[in-house]
Amino acid sequence: MKRVLGRLAEALLTLWLLATLCFVLLRAAPGGPFDTEKAAPPEVQAALAAQYRLDRPLPAQYLAWLGDVVRGDLGPSFQYPDYRVTQLIASALPVSMLNGGLALLLALLLGIPLGAWAALRAGRWTDRVLMFAAGLGLAIPKFVAAPLLVLLFAVTLHWLPAGGWGGWSHVVLPVIALALPNIAYCARLTRASLLETLSADYLKAARARGLSEARLLLAHAMKPALLPVAAWLSPALINVVTGSAVVEQVFGIPGMGRYFVQGALNRDYTLVLGVVLVVGALIVAINTLVDALRAAMDPRLRDAEP
């Protein structure tokens, strides 16, 4: 119970520090949310500042915003005046979670088998081709891969839509663009981990007892080899979250990343802070789940916990 309460307190402290830092940096950046209204009469500018509490001192703005967050209200959006930030996030979060979840799933479903195949063919031409392709996948950034996918599959072949959000056909290219570097990294990580595991003494002894290579791999080698992959899920999630901002902009997807970029460009303080808080909470929650998964896979981690 103490461990659970400690992790909860640590998560809340992390989110508070993240939100506070983001609040300060947004206010320190040049420009404001209503710079386009500077030509308006002074009374209009004053009314806008009062409506969004921008006429108060900065500490008062911070305390008022923090009080709203504690009550579950992320405030009104400056850019979308007819919507609350909670409404925008409620519509965007499922879109981003669908894209990110499918991208991670695709990375695992392709990266693990490809990495295992490369490890079993270590030194052969298939291993070299797969690792070259993985290195290429890591080298190409998402803002290059996404337009190339649009050019190939949408403009040239006309197989898939170039952007927008509707049916499942709109999901394919964004998911592939998000998944490509993660597939490459997962394949390289699985290959390296499996090669190290296959050289362990207990596996050599099992092989000497006449166990088949298939049983050796599936029953004894894969589980310990996948421990580094389980640990990689946390940074993989962060990679998907940061990459979604680029991918959603390229494909015109109404997700969290696109709202974050537009909010930052338009100094929509409440929208940016809301996205940061929700994404931070998701990352903290998934890190906790990944730690639990690793502990379930490796009893030594459970024994090491206080």
Protein backbone atom coordinates (compact mmCIF):
# COMPACT_ATOMS: atom_id res chain seq x y z
CA MET A 1 0.00 0.00 0.00
CA LYS A 2 2.84 2.39 0.85
CA ARG A 3 4.47 1.67 -2.51
CA VAL A 4 1.23 2.46 -4.37
CA LEU A 5 0.73 5.72 -2.45
CA GLY A 6 4.37 6.64 -3.05
CA ARG A 7 4.03 6.11 -6.80
CA LEU A 8 0.79 8.10 -6.86
CA ALA A 9 2.43 11.00 -5.02
CA GLU A 10 5.41 10.85 -7.39
CA ALA A 11 3.09 10.89 -10.41
CA LEU A 12 1.14 13.89 -9.10
CA LEU A 13 4.36 15.77 -8.32
CA THR A 14 5.68 15.04 -11.82
CA LEU A 15 2.50 16.32 -13.46
CA TRP A 16 2.48 19.44 -11.30
CA LEU A 17 6.09 20.26 -12.14
CA LEU A 18 5.45 19.60 -15.83
CA ALA A 19 2.37 21.84 -15.89
CA THR A 20 4.10 24.61 -13.93
CA LEU A 21 7.13 24.61 -16.23
CA CYS A 22 4.89 24.67 -19.30
CA PHE A 23 2.83 27.54 -17.80
CA VAL A 24 5.93 29.64 -17.18
CA LEU A 25 7.48 28.95 -20.59
CA LEU A 26 4.26 29.80 -22.43
CA ARG A 27 3.96 33.13 -20.65
CA ALA A 28 7.66 33.88 -21.21
CA ALA A 29 7.43 33.33 -24.98
CA PRO A 30 6.99 36.49 -27.08
CA GLY A 31 3.54 37.27 -28.39
CA GLY A 32 0.10 36.66 -26.98
CA PRO A 33 -3.17 34.93 -27.85
CA PHE A 34 -4.86 38.13 -29.04
CA ASP A 35 -2.08 39.85 -30.97
CA THR A 36 -4.35 39.97 -34.03
CA GLU A 37 -6.80 42.05 -31.99
CA LYS A 38 -4.32 44.89 -31.35
CA ALA A 39 -6.06 46.99 -33.97
CA ALA A 40 -9.32 46.68 -32.03
CA PRO A 41 -10.48 49.46 -29.69
CA PRO A 42 -8.86 49.45 -26.23
CA GLU A 43 -12.15 48.53 -24.54
CA VAL A 44 -12.42 45.39 -26.72
CA GLN A 45 -8.87 44.37 -25.84
CA ALA A 46 -9.59 44.98 -22.16
CA ALA A 47 -12.77 42.90 -22.35
CA LEU A 48 -10.90 39.99 -23.95
CA ALA A 49 -8.15 40.14 -21.33
CA ALA A 50 -10.73 40.19 -18.52
CA GLN A 51 -12.73 37.32 -20.05
CA TYR A 52 -9.69 35.05 -20.08
CA ARG A 53 -8.18 36.45 -16.84
CA LEU A 54 -5.15 37.81 -18.66
CA ASP A 55 -5.52 41.15 -16.90
CA ARG A 56 -4.53 39.60 -13.56
CA PRO A 57 -0.96 39.29 -12.25
CA LEU A 58 0.85 36.15 -13.38
CA PRO A 59 0.75 34.41 -9.95
CA ALA A 60 -3.01 35.04 -9.76
CA GLN A 61 -3.46 33.58 -13.26
CA TYR A 62 -1.48 30.51 -12.26
CA LEU A 63 -3.42 29.90 -9.05
CA ALA A 64 -6.77 30.39 -10.80
CA TRP A 65 -5.80 27.97 -13.57
CA LEU A 66 -4.48 25.41 -11.06
CA GLY A 67 -7.72 25.63 -9.09
CA ASP A 68 -9.73 24.96 -12.24
CA VAL A 69 -7.55 21.93 -13.06
CA VAL A 70 -8.11 20.46 -9.59
CA ARG A 71 -11.86 20.77 -10.23
CA GLY A 72 -11.49 19.02 -13.59
CA ASP A 73 -11.90 22.13 -15.74
CA LEU A 74 -9.09 22.89 -18.20
CA GLY A 75 -10.60 26.23 -19.13
CA PRO A 76 -11.84 27.77 -22.40
CA SER A 77 -9.84 27.58 -25.58
CA PHE A 78 -8.53 30.93 -26.86
CA GLN A 79 -8.38 29.71 -30.46
CA TYR A 80 -11.75 27.92 -30.42
CA PRO A 81 -13.89 30.26 -28.27
CA ASP A 82 -17.03 28.11 -28.56
CA TYR A 83 -15.33 25.09 -26.98
CA ARG A 84 -13.83 24.16 -23.65
CA VAL A 85 -10.41 22.53 -23.70
CA THR A 86 -11.91 19.36 -22.20
CA GLN A 87 -14.28 19.12 -25.19
CA LEU A 88 -11.44 19.45 -27.70
CA ILE A 89 -9.31 16.88 -25.90
CA ALA A 90 -12.27 14.49 -25.57
CA SER A 91 -12.67 14.53 -29.36
CA ALA A 92 -8.94 14.38 -30.16
CA LEU A 93 -7.70 11.84 -27.60
CA PRO A 94 -9.41 8.76 -29.12
CA VAL A 95 -7.97 9.66 -32.53
CA SER A 96 -4.41 9.94 -31.22
CA MET A 97 -4.76 6.82 -29.04
CA LEU A 98 -5.99 4.82 -32.03
CA ASN A 99 -3.09 5.93 -34.24
CA GLY A 100 -0.49 5.54 -31.50
CA GLY A 101 -1.81 2.19 -30.27
CA LEU A 102 -1.91 0.71 -33.76
CA ALA A 103 1.58 2.06 -34.50
CA LEU A 104 3.03 0.43 -31.39
CA LEU A 105 1.17 -2.81 -32.10
CA LEU A 106 2.47 -2.85 -35.66
CA ALA A 107 6.00 -2.18 -34.40
CA LEU A 108 5.82 -5.16 -32.05
CA LEU A 109 4.13 -7.51 -34.54
CA LEU A 110 6.77 -6.79 -37.20
CA GLY A 111 9.83 -5.79 -35.18
CA ILE A 112 10.00 -8.84 -32.91
CA PRO A 113 9.71 -11.51 -35.69
CA LEU A 114 12.11 -9.60 -37.95
CA GLY A 115 14.63 -9.20 -35.14
CA ALA A 116 14.36 -12.88 -34.20
CA TRP A 117 14.76 -13.92 -37.84
CA ALA A 118 17.87 -11.74 -38.16
CA ALA A 119 19.34 -13.21 -34.95
CA LEU A 120 18.79 -16.77 -36.18
CA ARG A 121 20.44 -15.82 -39.49
CA ALA A 122 23.23 -13.78 -37.91
CA GLY A 123 26.02 -13.00 -40.37
CA ARG A 124 24.09 -14.13 -43.43
CA TRP A 125 22.84 -11.89 -46.23
CA THR A 126 19.28 -11.88 -44.84
CA ASP A 127 20.57 -10.54 -41.53
CA ARG A 128 22.59 -7.83 -43.26
CA VAL A 129 19.64 -6.78 -45.46
CA LEU A 130 17.25 -6.60 -42.50
CA MET A 131 19.66 -4.59 -40.37
CA PHE A 132 20.40 -2.23 -43.27
CA ALA A 133 16.66 -1.66 -43.70
CA ALA A 134 16.33 -1.11 -39.95
CA GLY A 135 19.13 1.45 -39.99
CA LEU A 136 17.42 3.22 -42.89
CA GLY A 137 14.14 3.26 -40.98
CA LEU A 138 15.83 4.90 -38.01
CA ALA A 139 17.65 7.44 -40.17
CA ILE A 140 14.60 8.77 -42.04
CA PRO A 141 12.69 11.28 -39.86
CA LYS A 142 8.91 11.23 -39.72
CA PHE A 143 8.55 14.60 -41.45
CA VAL A 144 10.30 13.02 -44.45
CA ALA A 145 8.70 9.57 -44.29
CA ALA A 146 5.12 10.88 -44.06
CA PRO A 147 5.22 13.00 -47.28
CA LEU A 148 7.01 10.16 -49.09
CA LEU A 149 4.23 7.76 -48.13
CA VAL A 150 1.64 10.26 -49.38
CA LEU A 151 3.55 10.70 -52.63
CA LEU A 152 3.82 6.96 -53.25
CA PHE A 153 0.51 5.52 -52.06
CA ALA A 154 -1.83 8.50 -52.50
CA VAL A 155 -0.50 10.62 -55.37
CA THR A 156 1.21 7.98 -57.53
CA LEU A 157 -0.66 4.72 -56.88
CA HIS A 158 -3.99 6.21 -55.70
CA TRP A 159 -4.43 3.37 -53.22
CA LEU A 160 -5.05 5.43 -50.09
CA PRO A 161 -6.25 8.96 -49.24
CA ALA A 162 -3.61 11.63 -48.80
CA GLY A 163 -5.09 12.98 -45.59
CA GLY A 164 -8.19 13.72 -43.59
CA TRP A 165 -10.01 11.55 -41.11
CA GLY A 166 -12.91 9.22 -41.81
CA GLY A 167 -12.81 5.50 -42.57
CA TRP A 168 -10.10 2.95 -41.94
CA SER A 169 -8.34 3.88 -45.17
CA HIS A 170 -7.36 7.18 -43.52
CA VAL A 171 -5.61 5.29 -40.70
CA VAL A 172 -3.15 3.25 -42.75
CA LEU A 173 -0.58 5.85 -43.82
CA PRO A 174 -0.39 7.73 -40.48
CA VAL A 175 0.06 4.46 -38.59
CA ILE A 176 2.82 3.33 -40.95
CA ALA A 177 4.58 6.71 -40.67
CA LEU A 178 4.47 6.52 -36.86
CA ALA A 179 5.47 2.86 -36.76
CA LEU A 180 8.45 2.83 -39.16
CA PRO A 181 11.21 3.99 -36.76
CA ASN A 182 9.75 1.88 -33.95
CA ILE A 183 9.71 -1.23 -36.16
CA ALA A 184 13.36 -0.61 -36.98
CA TYR A 185 14.41 -0.06 -33.37
CA CYS A 186 12.38 -3.03 -32.10
CA ALA A 187 13.96 -5.32 -34.71
CA ARG A 188 17.50 -4.23 -33.82
CA LEU A 189 16.82 -4.51 -30.10
CA THR A 190 15.26 -7.97 -30.43
CA ARG A 191 18.15 -9.21 -32.57
CA ALA A 192 20.82 -8.00 -30.13
CA SER A 193 18.98 -9.33 -27.07
CA LEU A 194 18.24 -12.71 -28.64
CA LEU A 195 21.84 -13.16 -29.80
CA GLU A 196 23.03 -12.52 -26.25
CA THR A 197 20.44 -14.89 -24.80
CA LEU A 198 21.24 -17.69 -27.25
CA SER A 199 24.89 -17.58 -26.16
CA ALA A 200 24.00 -18.12 -22.48
CA ASP A 201 25.39 -21.20 -20.76
CA TYR A 202 22.00 -22.63 -19.76
CA LEU A 203 20.86 -22.60 -23.37
CA LYS A 204 24.04 -24.30 -24.48
CA ALA A 205 23.37 -27.00 -21.88
CA ALA A 206 19.76 -27.36 -23.07
CA ARG A 207 20.94 -27.68 -26.65
CA ALA A 208 23.43 -30.36 -25.57
CA ARG A 209 20.55 -32.32 -24.01
CA GLY A 210 18.98 -32.59 -27.45
CA LEU A 211 16.28 -29.91 -27.36
CA SER A 212 15.16 -28.83 -30.79
CA GLU A 213 16.01 -25.33 -31.93
CA ALA A 214 12.33 -24.39 -32.16
CA ARG A 215 11.61 -25.49 -28.57
CA LEU A 216 14.83 -23.89 -27.39
CA LEU A 217 13.81 -20.60 -28.96
CA LEU A 218 10.13 -20.52 -27.96
CA ALA A 219 10.31 -22.09 -24.50
CA HIS A 220 13.64 -20.83 -23.17
CA ALA A 221 15.11 -17.96 -25.21
CA MET A 222 12.31 -15.61 -26.26
CA LYS A 223 11.01 -14.64 -22.81
CA PRO A 224 14.33 -13.35 -21.40
CA ALA A 225 15.19 -11.88 -24.80
CA LEU A 226 12.01 -9.80 -24.75
CA LEU A 227 12.79 -8.12 -21.40
CA PRO A 228 14.71 -5.26 -23.10
CA VAL A 229 11.83 -4.89 -25.55
CA ALA A 230 9.39 -4.52 -22.64
CA ALA A 231 11.65 -1.86 -21.11
CA TRP A 232 11.75 -0.08 -24.49
CA LEU A 233 7.96 0.35 -24.56
CA SER A 234 8.14 3.50 -22.42
CA PRO A 235 10.52 5.45 -24.72
CA ALA A 236 8.63 3.99 -27.69
CA LEU A 237 5.46 5.58 -26.37
CA ILE A 238 7.21 8.94 -25.99
CA ASN A 239 8.51 8.57 -29.56
CA VAL A 240 4.96 7.97 -30.80
CA VAL A 241 3.59 10.94 -28.82
CA THR A 242 6.23 13.36 -30.10
CA GLY A 243 5.97 12.02 -33.63
CA SER A 244 2.19 12.37 -33.69
CA ALA A 245 2.51 16.16 -33.81
CA VAL A 246 4.31 15.93 -37.17
CA VAL A 247 2.23 13.09 -38.59
CA GLU A 248 -1.11 14.62 -37.64
CA GLN A 249 -0.10 17.92 -39.22
CA VAL A 250 0.98 16.24 -42.46
CA PHE A 251 -2.18 14.13 -42.77
CA GLY A 252 -4.58 16.74 -41.37
CA ILE A 253 -5.74 14.49 -38.53
CA PRO A 254 -7.72 16.15 -35.70
CA GLY A 255 -5.63 14.62 -32.92
CA MET A 256 -3.76 15.77 -29.81
CA GLY A 257 -0.54 16.48 -31.69
CA ARG A 258 -2.23 18.76 -34.18
CA TYR A 259 -4.04 20.66 -31.42
CA PHE A 260 -0.75 21.04 -29.57
CA VAL A 261 1.03 22.50 -32.60
CA GLN A 262 -1.81 24.85 -33.46
CA GLY A 263 -2.21 25.89 -29.83
CA ALA A 264 1.50 26.65 -29.53
CA LEU A 265 1.53 28.68 -32.75
CA ASN A 266 -1.54 30.69 -31.71
CA ARG A 267 -0.51 31.06 -28.04
CA ASP A 268 -3.62 29.17 -26.94
CA TYR A 269 -2.35 28.79 -23.39
CA THR A 270 -5.16 26.67 -22.00
CA LEU A 271 -5.21 24.26 -24.94
CA VAL A 272 -1.45 23.67 -24.82
CA LEU A 273 -1.50 23.20 -21.05
CA GLY A 274 -4.44 20.81 -21.29
CA VAL A 275 -2.73 18.68 -23.93
CA VAL A 276 0.50 18.62 -21.89
CA LEU A 277 -1.34 17.51 -18.75
CA VAL A 278 -3.31 14.75 -20.46
CA VAL A 279 -0.32 13.42 -22.40
CA GLY A 280 1.85 13.58 -19.26
CA ALA A 281 -0.76 11.63 -17.30
CA LEU A 282 -0.92 9.00 -20.06
CA ILE A 283 2.86 8.63 -20.11
CA VAL A 284 3.01 8.25 -16.32
CA ALA A 285 0.22 5.65 -16.39
CA ILE A 286 1.80 3.63 -19.20
CA ASN A 287 5.23 3.76 -17.53
CA THR A 288 3.59 2.21 -14.46
CA LEU A 289 1.97 -0.50 -16.58
CA VAL A 290 5.28 -1.22 -18.32
CA ASP A 291 7.01 -1.59 -14.93
CA ALA A 292 4.30 -4.04 -13.87
CA LEU A 293 4.72 -5.97 -17.13
CA ARG A 294 8.48 -6.20 -16.65
CA ALA A 295 8.01 -7.40 -13.07
CA ALA A 296 5.60 -10.09 -14.30
CA MET A 297 8.12 -11.24 -16.91
CA ASP A 298 11.15 -11.17 -14.61
CA PRO A 299 10.66 -12.28 -10.95
CA ARG A 300 14.01 -10.72 -10.04
CA LEU A 301 12.48 -7.27 -10.50
CA ARG A 302 9.69 -8.14 -8.06
CA ASP A 303 12.21 -9.37 -5.50
CA ALA A 304 14.21 -6.15 -5.86
CA GLU A 305 11.24 -3.92 -5.00
CA PRO A 306 11.23 -2.55 -1.43
